[in-house]
């Protein structure tokens, strides 16, 4: 009954109903089912071959069915695998984590190993071999079926896959641009914060400098006792605004108590060590 309900929902492309019997179903598999079901009329002659699963209440189920495609006379024999489990209410459901269509979800390694052992067993292998033989005979018998399963559906799925890939690449590109913009914004904020902190520190230094140092205004001629740099501020870390050769004549306009003097030469005004 579980499998019958699943395939009825699958054939109609009704993913919401299908998820009552099989879950979880990823977005990618939902799209696959919706596209594939457009070509399906019904799943006929459903037969379940069931064995106990890895734990109590679990079942390994091989399902033989014949897929009746729209506008195709001969159905296509196929073999599906389901890992069925029992929920807390005692109802069985298909654990779609172990779907053979898209294995996107993290799986329990013990269950994965059990399924591998099950599928390599002689019973499952014989069933697969017989199904493949029936499938080949159906394709030889009906050229319409052959075209459907070898051209029409693969082409449709290929177009869909290409679209999904393109959308994925576009999303990655958008995410990358968004991340780069965010990083740039964070970098700008960090630089602005650093600049503000530097300005505060500079203001603090200037205030401290004003508190510590006294300045005496003068107007006198002095001479450079060495080759010197004229600084924008009274600090060896300040920018250089000019220079003077040893012996050059300068006009001193102020003397500071911290060992610096304000001087002027030509159009340049700045500070030198006294």
C-alpha atoms as a PDB file:
ATOM      1  CA  UNK A   1       0.000   0.000   0.000  1.00  0.00           C
ATOM      2  CA  UNK A   2       2.856   2.364   0.856  1.00  0.00           C
ATOM      3  CA  UNK A   3       4.574   1.740  -2.485  1.00  0.00           C
ATOM      4  CA  UNK A   4       1.303   1.972  -4.434  1.00  0.00           C
ATOM      5  CA  UNK A   5       0.542   5.357  -2.882  1.00  0.00           C
ATOM      6  CA  UNK A   6       4.081   6.548  -3.561  1.00  0.00           C
ATOM      7  CA  UNK A   7       3.916   5.684  -7.277  1.00  0.00           C
ATOM      8  CA  UNK A   8       0.442   7.178  -7.707  1.00  0.00           C
ATOM      9  CA  UNK A   9       1.740  10.482  -6.378  1.00  0.00           C
ATOM     10  CA  UNK A  10       4.926  10.127  -8.460  1.00  0.00           C
ATOM     11  CA  UNK A  11       2.999   9.524 -11.707  1.00  0.00           C
ATOM     12  CA  UNK A  12       0.897  12.635 -11.162  1.00  0.00           C
ATOM     13  CA  UNK A  13       3.906  14.765 -10.174  1.00  0.00           C
ATOM     14  CA  UNK A  14       2.233  15.504  -6.828  1.00  0.00           C
ATOM     15  CA  UNK A  15       5.330  15.976  -4.692  1.00  0.00           C
ATOM     16  CA  UNK A  16       3.413  17.231  -1.652  1.00  0.00           C
ATOM     17  CA  UNK A  17       1.390  13.991  -1.491  1.00  0.00           C
ATOM     18  CA  UNK A  18       4.456  11.900  -2.295  1.00  0.00           C
ATOM     19  CA  UNK A  19       6.232  13.384   0.735  1.00  0.00           C
ATOM     20  CA  UNK A  20       3.578  11.826   2.990  1.00  0.00           C
ATOM     21  CA  UNK A  21       5.041   8.449   2.062  1.00  0.00           C
ATOM     22  CA  UNK A  22       8.700   9.261   1.343  1.00  0.00           C
ATOM     23  CA  UNK A  23      10.816  11.868   3.110  1.00  0.00           C
ATOM     24  CA  UNK A  24      12.980  13.854   3.235  1.00  0.00           C
ATOM     25  CA  UNK A  25      12.861  14.952  -0.426  1.00  0.00           C
ATOM     26  CA  UNK A  26      15.390  17.574  -1.507  1.00  0.00           C
ATOM     27  CA  UNK A  27      14.519  20.488  -3.789  1.00  0.00           C
ATOM     28  CA  UNK A  28      16.621  18.949  -6.551  1.00  0.00           C
ATOM     29  CA  UNK A  29      14.731  15.644  -6.418  1.00  0.00           C
ATOM     30  CA  UNK A  30      11.385  17.471  -6.326  1.00  0.00           C
ATOM     31  CA  UNK A  31      12.252  19.153  -9.626  1.00  0.00           C
ATOM     32  CA  UNK A  32      13.434  15.835 -11.102  1.00  0.00           C
ATOM     33  CA  UNK A  33      10.160  14.109 -10.162  1.00  0.00           C
ATOM     34  CA  UNK A  34       8.055  16.950 -11.574  1.00  0.00           C
ATOM     35  CA  UNK A  35       9.891  16.815 -14.922  1.00  0.00           C
ATOM     36  CA  UNK A  36      10.030  13.004 -15.205  1.00  0.00           C
ATOM     37  CA  UNK A  37       6.354  12.620 -14.272  1.00  0.00           C
ATOM     38  CA  UNK A  38       5.327  14.807 -17.234  1.00  0.00           C
ATOM     39  CA  UNK A  39       6.054  11.788 -19.456  1.00  0.00           C
ATOM     40  CA  UNK A  40       4.536   9.143 -17.136  1.00  0.00           C
ATOM     41  CA  UNK A  41       0.970   7.955 -17.372  1.00  0.00           C
ATOM     42  CA  UNK A  42       1.094   5.245 -14.705  1.00  0.00           C
ATOM     43  CA  UNK A  43       3.194   2.653 -12.878  1.00  0.00           C
ATOM     44  CA  UNK A  44       1.683  -0.755 -13.599  1.00  0.00           C
ATOM     45  CA  UNK A  45       2.097  -4.303 -12.238  1.00  0.00           C
ATOM     46  CA  UNK A  46       3.837  -3.186  -9.039  1.00  0.00           C
ATOM     47  CA  UNK A  47       5.435  -6.083  -7.161  1.00  0.00           C
ATOM     48  CA  UNK A  48       7.419  -5.716  -3.909  1.00  0.00           C
ATOM     49  CA  UNK A  49      10.264  -8.037  -2.894  1.00  0.00           C
ATOM     50  CA  UNK A  50      10.922  -7.396   0.778  1.00  0.00           C
ATOM     51  CA  UNK A  51      13.601  -8.387   3.297  1.00  0.00           C
ATOM     52  CA  UNK A  52      14.286  -7.284   6.862  1.00  0.00           C
ATOM     53  CA  UNK A  53      16.490  -4.210   7.062  1.00  0.00           C
ATOM     54  CA  UNK A  54      19.449  -3.231   9.228  1.00  0.00           C
ATOM     55  CA  UNK A  55      17.319  -2.760  12.362  1.00  0.00           C
ATOM     56  CA  UNK A  56      13.969  -3.922  13.713  1.00  0.00           C
ATOM     57  CA  UNK A  57      11.140  -2.233  11.817  1.00  0.00           C
ATOM     58  CA  UNK A  58      13.382  -1.529   8.821  1.00  0.00           C
ATOM     59  CA  UNK A  59      12.910  -3.196   5.431  1.00  0.00           C
ATOM     60  CA  UNK A  60      14.874  -3.421   2.206  1.00  0.00           C
ATOM     61  CA  UNK A  61      12.375  -3.370  -0.660  1.00  0.00           C
ATOM     62  CA  UNK A  62      13.040  -4.019  -4.328  1.00  0.00           C
ATOM     63  CA  UNK A  63      10.066  -2.915  -6.412  1.00  0.00           C
ATOM     64  CA  UNK A  64       9.416  -4.273  -9.893  1.00  0.00           C
ATOM     65  CA  UNK A  65       7.069  -2.120 -11.941  1.00  0.00           C
ATOM     66  CA  UNK A  66       6.282  -1.358 -15.560  1.00  0.00           C
ATOM     67  CA  UNK A  67       6.270   2.341 -16.417  1.00  0.00           C
ATOM     68  CA  UNK A  68       3.535   3.321 -18.849  1.00  0.00           C
ATOM     69  CA  UNK A  69       4.666   6.457 -20.662  1.00  0.00           C
ATOM     70  CA  UNK A  70       2.230   8.829 -22.320  1.00  0.00           C
ATOM     71  CA  UNK A  71       1.554   8.112 -26.002  1.00  0.00           C
ATOM     72  CA  UNK A  72       3.711   4.955 -25.829  1.00  0.00           C
ATOM     73  CA  UNK A  73       2.031   1.571 -26.217  1.00  0.00           C
ATOM     74  CA  UNK A  74       4.538  -0.716 -24.469  1.00  0.00           C
ATOM     75  CA  UNK A  75       5.370  -0.133 -20.765  1.00  0.00           C
ATOM     76  CA  UNK A  76       9.021  -0.137 -19.667  1.00  0.00           C
ATOM     77  CA  UNK A  77      10.011  -2.694 -17.001  1.00  0.00           C
ATOM     78  CA  UNK A  78      11.990  -1.110 -14.188  1.00  0.00           C
ATOM     79  CA  UNK A  79      13.420  -1.938 -10.777  1.00  0.00           C
ATOM     80  CA  UNK A  80      13.397   0.505  -7.868  1.00  0.00           C
ATOM     81  CA  UNK A  81      14.908   0.211  -4.404  1.00  0.00           C
ATOM     82  CA  UNK A  82      13.406   1.636  -1.197  1.00  0.00           C
ATOM     83  CA  UNK A  83      14.663   1.564   2.366  1.00  0.00           C
ATOM     84  CA  UNK A  84      11.471   1.445   4.420  1.00  0.00           C
ATOM     85  CA  UNK A  85      11.336   2.260   8.131  1.00  0.00           C
ATOM     86  CA  UNK A  86       8.733   2.318  10.886  1.00  0.00           C
ATOM     87  CA  UNK A  87       7.956   5.575  12.698  1.00  0.00           C
ATOM     88  CA  UNK A  88       7.016   6.065  16.366  1.00  0.00           C
ATOM     89  CA  UNK A  89       3.325   5.563  15.519  1.00  0.00           C
ATOM     90  CA  UNK A  90       4.010   2.187  13.926  1.00  0.00           C
ATOM     91  CA  UNK A  91       3.459   3.473  10.369  1.00  0.00           C
ATOM     92  CA  UNK A  92       5.894   2.575   7.637  1.00  0.00           C
ATOM     93  CA  UNK A  93       7.498   5.210   5.411  1.00  0.00           C
ATOM     94  CA  UNK A  94      10.205   5.366   2.747  1.00  0.00           C
ATOM     95  CA  UNK A  95      13.411   6.864   4.145  1.00  0.00           C
ATOM     96  CA  UNK A  96      14.355   8.941   1.130  1.00  0.00           C
ATOM     97  CA  UNK A  97      17.815   9.601   2.562  1.00  0.00           C
ATOM     98  CA  UNK A  98      18.743   6.389   0.734  1.00  0.00           C
ATOM     99  CA  UNK A  99      17.076   7.363  -2.535  1.00  0.00           C
ATOM    100  CA  UNK A 100      18.911   6.002  -5.588  1.00  0.00           C
ATOM    101  CA  UNK A 101      18.000   9.126  -7.596  1.00  0.00           C
ATOM    102  CA  UNK A 102      19.918  11.837  -5.741  1.00  0.00           C
ATOM    103  CA  UNK A 103      22.021  10.918  -2.748  1.00  0.00           C
ATOM    104  CA  UNK A 104      22.456  14.444  -1.374  1.00  0.00           C
ATOM    105  CA  UNK A 105      21.846  13.751   2.314  1.00  0.00           C
ATOM    106  CA  UNK A 106      24.182  12.372   4.956  1.00  0.00           C
ATOM    107  CA  UNK A 107      23.652   8.635   5.375  1.00  0.00           C
ATOM    108  CA  UNK A 108      24.139   6.235   8.251  1.00  0.00           C
ATOM    109  CA  UNK A 109      27.250   4.203   7.297  1.00  0.00           C
ATOM    110  CA  UNK A 110      25.773   1.017   8.802  1.00  0.00           C
ATOM    111  CA  UNK A 111      22.614   1.304   6.683  1.00  0.00           C
ATOM    112  CA  UNK A 112      24.671   2.204   3.604  1.00  0.00           C
ATOM    113  CA  UNK A 113      26.810  -0.898   4.133  1.00  0.00           C
ATOM    114  CA  UNK A 114      23.685  -3.031   4.631  1.00  0.00           C
ATOM    115  CA  UNK A 115      22.157  -1.753   1.365  1.00  0.00           C
ATOM    116  CA  UNK A 116      25.398  -2.474  -0.479  1.00  0.00           C
ATOM    117  CA  UNK A 117      25.404  -6.016   0.862  1.00  0.00           C
ATOM    118  CA  UNK A 118      21.711  -6.443   0.004  1.00  0.00           C
ATOM    119  CA  UNK A 119      22.115  -5.249  -3.580  1.00  0.00           C
ATOM    120  CA  UNK A 120      25.134  -7.482  -4.162  1.00  0.00           C
ATOM    121  CA  UNK A 121      23.233 -10.560  -2.934  1.00  0.00           C
ATOM    122  CA  UNK A 122      22.120 -13.224  -5.371  1.00  0.00           C
ATOM    123  CA  UNK A 123      18.378 -12.522  -4.958  1.00  0.00           C
ATOM    124  CA  UNK A 124      18.690  -8.829  -5.812  1.00  0.00           C
ATOM    125  CA  UNK A 125      21.186  -9.571  -8.598  1.00  0.00           C
ATOM    126  CA  UNK A 126      18.868 -12.163 -10.199  1.00  0.00           C
ATOM    127  CA  UNK A 127      15.915  -9.771  -9.990  1.00  0.00           C
ATOM    128  CA  UNK A 128      17.944  -6.985 -11.596  1.00  0.00           C
ATOM    129  CA  UNK A 129      19.126  -9.306 -14.354  1.00  0.00           C
ATOM    130  CA  UNK A 130      15.601 -10.472 -15.142  1.00  0.00           C
ATOM    131  CA  UNK A 131      14.280  -6.891 -15.136  1.00  0.00           C
ATOM    132  CA  UNK A 132      17.039  -5.787 -17.502  1.00  0.00           C
ATOM    133  CA  UNK A 133      16.196  -8.631 -19.860  1.00  0.00           C
ATOM    134  CA  UNK A 134      12.504  -7.655 -19.865  1.00  0.00           C
ATOM    135  CA  UNK A 135      13.481  -4.006 -20.427  1.00  0.00           C
ATOM    136  CA  UNK A 136      15.674  -4.836 -23.440  1.00  0.00           C
ATOM    137  CA  UNK A 137      12.886  -6.944 -24.974  1.00  0.00           C
ATOM    138  CA  UNK A 138      10.394  -4.097 -24.532  1.00  0.00           C
ATOM    139  CA  UNK A 139      12.719  -1.631 -26.285  1.00  0.00           C
ATOM    140  CA  UNK A 140      13.267  -4.019 -29.211  1.00  0.00           C
ATOM    141  CA  UNK A 141       9.535  -4.505 -29.506  1.00  0.00           C
ATOM    142  CA  UNK A 142       8.512  -0.812 -29.455  1.00  0.00           C
ATOM    143  CA  UNK A 143      10.497   1.905 -31.232  1.00  0.00           C
ATOM    144  CA  UNK A 144       8.324   4.552 -29.585  1.00  0.00           C
ATOM    145  CA  UNK A 145       9.377   3.322 -26.149  1.00  0.00           C
ATOM    146  CA  UNK A 146      13.012   3.215 -27.260  1.00  0.00           C
ATOM    147  CA  UNK A 147      12.827   6.832 -28.406  1.00  0.00           C
ATOM    148  CA  UNK A 148      11.109   7.882 -25.179  1.00  0.00           C
ATOM    149  CA  UNK A 149      13.681   6.356 -22.803  1.00  0.00           C
ATOM    150  CA  UNK A 150      16.810   6.895 -24.902  1.00  0.00           C
ATOM    151  CA  UNK A 151      16.132  10.337 -26.413  1.00  0.00           C
ATOM    152  CA  UNK A 152      13.053  12.259 -25.254  1.00  0.00           C
ATOM    153  CA  UNK A 153      13.431  11.916 -21.481  1.00  0.00           C
ATOM    154  CA  UNK A 154      17.268  12.096 -21.418  1.00  0.00           C
ATOM    155  CA  UNK A 155      17.145  15.284 -23.526  1.00  0.00           C
ATOM    156  CA  UNK A 156      14.567  16.843 -21.212  1.00  0.00           C
ATOM    157  CA  UNK A 157      16.603  15.932 -18.135  1.00  0.00           C
ATOM    158  CA  UNK A 158      19.795  17.203 -19.791  1.00  0.00           C
ATOM    159  CA  UNK A 159      18.148  20.575 -20.502  1.00  0.00           C
ATOM    160  CA  UNK A 160      16.916  20.715 -16.919  1.00  0.00           C
ATOM    161  CA  UNK A 161      20.343  19.748 -15.568  1.00  0.00           C
ATOM    162  CA  UNK A 162      21.974  22.464 -17.659  1.00  0.00           C
ATOM    163  CA  UNK A 163      19.460  24.990 -16.369  1.00  0.00           C
ATOM    164  CA  UNK A 164      20.052  23.891 -12.767  1.00  0.00           C
ATOM    165  CA  UNK A 165      23.806  24.119 -13.319  1.00  0.00           C
ATOM    166  CA  UNK A 166      23.435  27.602 -14.818  1.00  0.00           C
ATOM    167  CA  UNK A 167      21.254  28.751 -11.942  1.00  0.00           C
ATOM    168  CA  UNK A 168      23.753  27.266  -9.499  1.00  0.00           C
ATOM    169  CA  UNK A 169      26.642  29.085 -11.168  1.00  0.00           C
ATOM    170  CA  UNK A 170      24.634  32.313 -11.237  1.00  0.00           C
ATOM    171  CA  UNK A 171      23.798  31.937  -7.560  1.00  0.00           C
ATOM    172  CA  UNK A 172      27.450  31.248  -6.739  1.00  0.00           C
ATOM    173  CA  UNK A 173      28.445  34.348  -8.709  1.00  0.00           C
ATOM    174  CA  UNK A 174      25.826  36.443  -6.908  1.00  0.00           C
ATOM    175  CA  UNK A 175      26.916  35.028  -3.545  1.00  0.00           C
ATOM    176  CA  UNK A 176      30.547  35.775  -4.393  1.00  0.00           C
ATOM    177  CA  UNK A 177      29.723  39.358  -5.409  1.00  0.00           C
ATOM    178  CA  UNK A 178      27.678  39.797  -2.255  1.00  0.00           C
ATOM    179  CA  UNK A 179      30.509  38.401  -0.156  1.00  0.00           C
ATOM    180  CA  UNK A 180      33.042  40.679  -1.881  1.00  0.00           C
ATOM    181  CA  UNK A 181      30.770  43.693  -1.336  1.00  0.00           C
ATOM    182  CA  UNK A 182      30.373  42.752   2.311  1.00  0.00           C
ATOM    183  CA  UNK A 183      34.125  42.317   2.713  1.00  0.00           C
ATOM    184  CA  UNK A 184      34.711  45.685   1.033  1.00  0.00           C
ATOM    185  CA  UNK A 185      32.174  47.332   3.331  1.00  0.00           C
ATOM    186  CA  UNK A 186      33.783  45.738   6.390  1.00  0.00           C
ATOM    187  CA  UNK A 187      37.217  46.833   5.162  1.00  0.00           C
ATOM    188  CA  UNK A 188      35.972  50.394   4.655  1.00  0.00           C
ATOM    189  CA  UNK A 189      34.461  50.385   8.126  1.00  0.00           C
ATOM    190  CA  UNK A 190      37.714  49.058   9.588  1.00  0.00           C
ATOM    191  CA  UNK A 191      39.738  51.707   7.755  1.00  0.00           C
ATOM    192  CA  UNK A 192      37.331  54.425   8.860  1.00  0.00           C
ATOM    193  CA  UNK A 193      37.492  53.184  12.434  1.00  0.00           C
ATOM    194  CA  UNK A 194      41.283  53.064  12.252  1.00  0.00           C
ATOM    195  CA  UNK A 195      41.353  56.579  10.820  1.00  0.00           C
ATOM    196  CA  UNK A 196      39.052  57.823  13.579  1.00  0.00           C
ATOM    197  CA  UNK A 197      41.222  56.153  16.225  1.00  0.00           C
ATOM    198  CA  UNK A 198      44.345  57.692  14.656  1.00  0.00           C
ATOM    199  CA  UNK A 199      42.702  61.113  14.640  1.00  0.00           C
ATOM    200  CA  UNK A 200      41.679  60.688  18.279  1.00  0.00           C
ATOM    201  CA  UNK A 201      45.185  59.567  19.174  1.00  0.00           C
ATOM    202  CA  UNK A 202      46.674  62.487  17.259  1.00  0.00           C
ATOM    203  CA  UNK A 203      44.296  64.878  18.978  1.00  0.00           C
ATOM    204  CA  UNK A 204      45.255  63.341  22.295  1.00  0.00           C
ATOM    205  CA  UNK A 205      48.949  63.752  21.454  1.00  0.00           C
ATOM    206  CA  UNK A 206      48.347  67.343  20.379  1.00  0.00           C
ATOM    207  CA  UNK A 207      46.490  68.077  23.592  1.00  0.00           C
ATOM    208  CA  UNK A 208      49.225  66.415  25.626  1.00  0.00           C
ATOM    209  CA  UNK A 209      51.806  68.306  23.604  1.00  0.00           C
ATOM    210  CA  UNK A 210      50.064  71.581  24.378  1.00  0.00           C
ATOM    211  CA  UNK A 211      49.914  70.723  28.058  1.00  0.00           C
ATOM    212  CA  UNK A 212      53.562  69.671  28.305  1.00  0.00           C
ATOM    213  CA  UNK A 213      55.244  72.257  26.107  1.00  0.00           C
ATOM    214  CA  UNK A 214      55.471  76.010  26.257  1.00  0.00           C
ATOM    215  CA  UNK A 215      56.219  78.136  23.243  1.00  0.00           C
ATOM    216  CA  UNK A 216      58.088  81.439  23.206  1.00  0.00           C
ATOM    217  CA  UNK A 217      57.527  83.715  20.254  1.00  0.00           C
ATOM    218  CA  UNK A 218      60.736  85.165  18.763  1.00  0.00           C
ATOM    219  CA  UNK A 219      61.931  86.805  15.569  1.00  0.00           C
ATOM    220  CA  UNK A 220      65.606  86.103  15.024  1.00  0.00           C
ATOM    221  CA  UNK A 221      68.090  84.857  12.482  1.00  0.00           C
ATOM    222  CA  UNK A 222      69.612  81.395  13.029  1.00  0.00           C
ATOM    223  CA  UNK A 223      71.910  79.147  10.992  1.00  0.00           C
ATOM    224  CA  UNK A 224      71.734  75.428  10.314  1.00  0.00           C
ATOM    225  CA  UNK A 225      74.578  73.577  12.032  1.00  0.00           C
ATOM    226  CA  UNK A 226      73.992  70.504   9.798  1.00  0.00           C
ATOM    227  CA  UNK A 227      71.916  69.425   6.804  1.00  0.00           C
ATOM    228  CA  UNK A 228      68.403  69.446   8.239  1.00  0.00           C
ATOM    229  CA  UNK A 229      64.813  68.483   7.434  1.00  0.00           C
ATOM    230  CA  UNK A 230      62.039  70.943   8.151  1.00  0.00           C
ATOM    231  CA  UNK A 231      59.020  69.085   9.573  1.00  0.00           C
ATOM    232  CA  UNK A 232      55.317  69.838   9.365  1.00  0.00           C
ATOM    233  CA  UNK A 233      55.000  69.225  13.127  1.00  0.00           C
ATOM    234  CA  UNK A 234      57.513  69.135  15.975  1.00  0.00           C
ATOM    235  CA  UNK A 235      58.184  65.408  15.605  1.00  0.00           C
ATOM    236  CA  UNK A 236      60.685  63.264  13.742  1.00  0.00           C
ATOM    237  CA  UNK A 237      57.699  61.206  12.544  1.00  0.00           C
ATOM    238  CA  UNK A 238      56.011  64.223  10.978  1.00  0.00           C
ATOM    239  CA  UNK A 239      56.044  64.858   7.222  1.00  0.00           C
ATOM    240  CA  UNK A 240      58.967  66.775   5.731  1.00  0.00           C
ATOM    241  CA  UNK A 241      57.953  70.105   4.178  1.00  0.00           C
ATOM    242  CA  UNK A 242      61.428  71.327   3.261  1.00  0.00           C
ATOM    243  CA  UNK A 243      65.163  71.118   4.010  1.00  0.00           C
ATOM    244  CA  UNK A 244      68.182  73.325   4.549  1.00  0.00           C
ATOM    245  CA  UNK A 245      71.887  72.821   3.943  1.00  0.00           C
ATOM    246  CA  UNK A 246      74.493  73.260   6.657  1.00  0.00           C
ATOM    247  CA  UNK A 247      75.138  76.961   7.173  1.00  0.00           C
ATOM    248  CA  UNK A 248      71.806  78.047   5.645  1.00  0.00           C
ATOM    249  CA  UNK A 249      70.164  81.103   7.134  1.00  0.00           C
ATOM    250  CA  UNK A 250      66.658  80.750   8.573  1.00  0.00           C
ATOM    251  CA  UNK A 251      64.270  82.944  10.491  1.00  0.00           C
ATOM    252  CA  UNK A 252      63.205  81.485  13.828  1.00  0.00           C
ATOM    253  CA  UNK A 253      59.702  82.530  14.848  1.00  0.00           C
ATOM    254  CA  UNK A 254      59.224  80.445  17.997  1.00  0.00           C
ATOM    255  CA  UNK A 255      61.157  78.325  20.488  1.00  0.00           C
ATOM    256  CA  UNK A 256      59.480  75.397  22.193  1.00  0.00           C
ATOM    257  CA  UNK A 257      60.372  73.900  25.558  1.00  0.00           C
ATOM    258  CA  UNK A 258      60.539  70.391  24.035  1.00  0.00           C
ATOM    259  CA  UNK A 259      63.670  71.190  22.001  1.00  0.00           C
ATOM    260  CA  UNK A 260      62.003  72.185  18.730  1.00  0.00           C
ATOM    261  CA  UNK A 261      61.969  75.538  16.991  1.00  0.00           C
ATOM    262  CA  UNK A 262      59.591  76.948  14.421  1.00  0.00           C
ATOM    263  CA  UNK A 263      61.505  78.345  11.481  1.00  0.00           C
ATOM    264  CA  UNK A 264      60.827  79.998   8.151  1.00  0.00           C
ATOM    265  CA  UNK A 265      62.874  79.992   4.972  1.00  0.00           C
ATOM    266  CA  UNK A 266      61.412  81.425   1.811  1.00  0.00           C
ATOM    267  CA  UNK A 267      57.803  80.189   1.578  1.00  0.00           C
ATOM    268  CA  UNK A 268      58.445  77.183   3.840  1.00  0.00           C
ATOM    269  CA  UNK A 269      57.443  77.254   7.509  1.00  0.00           C
ATOM    270  CA  UNK A 270      57.955  74.279   9.799  1.00  0.00           C
ATOM    271  CA  UNK A 271      59.836  72.813  12.710  1.00  0.00           C
ATOM    272  CA  UNK A 272      63.469  71.750  13.270  1.00  0.00           C
ATOM    273  CA  UNK A 273      65.344  70.453  16.283  1.00  0.00           C
ATOM    274  CA  UNK A 274      66.652  73.472  18.152  1.00  0.00           C
END
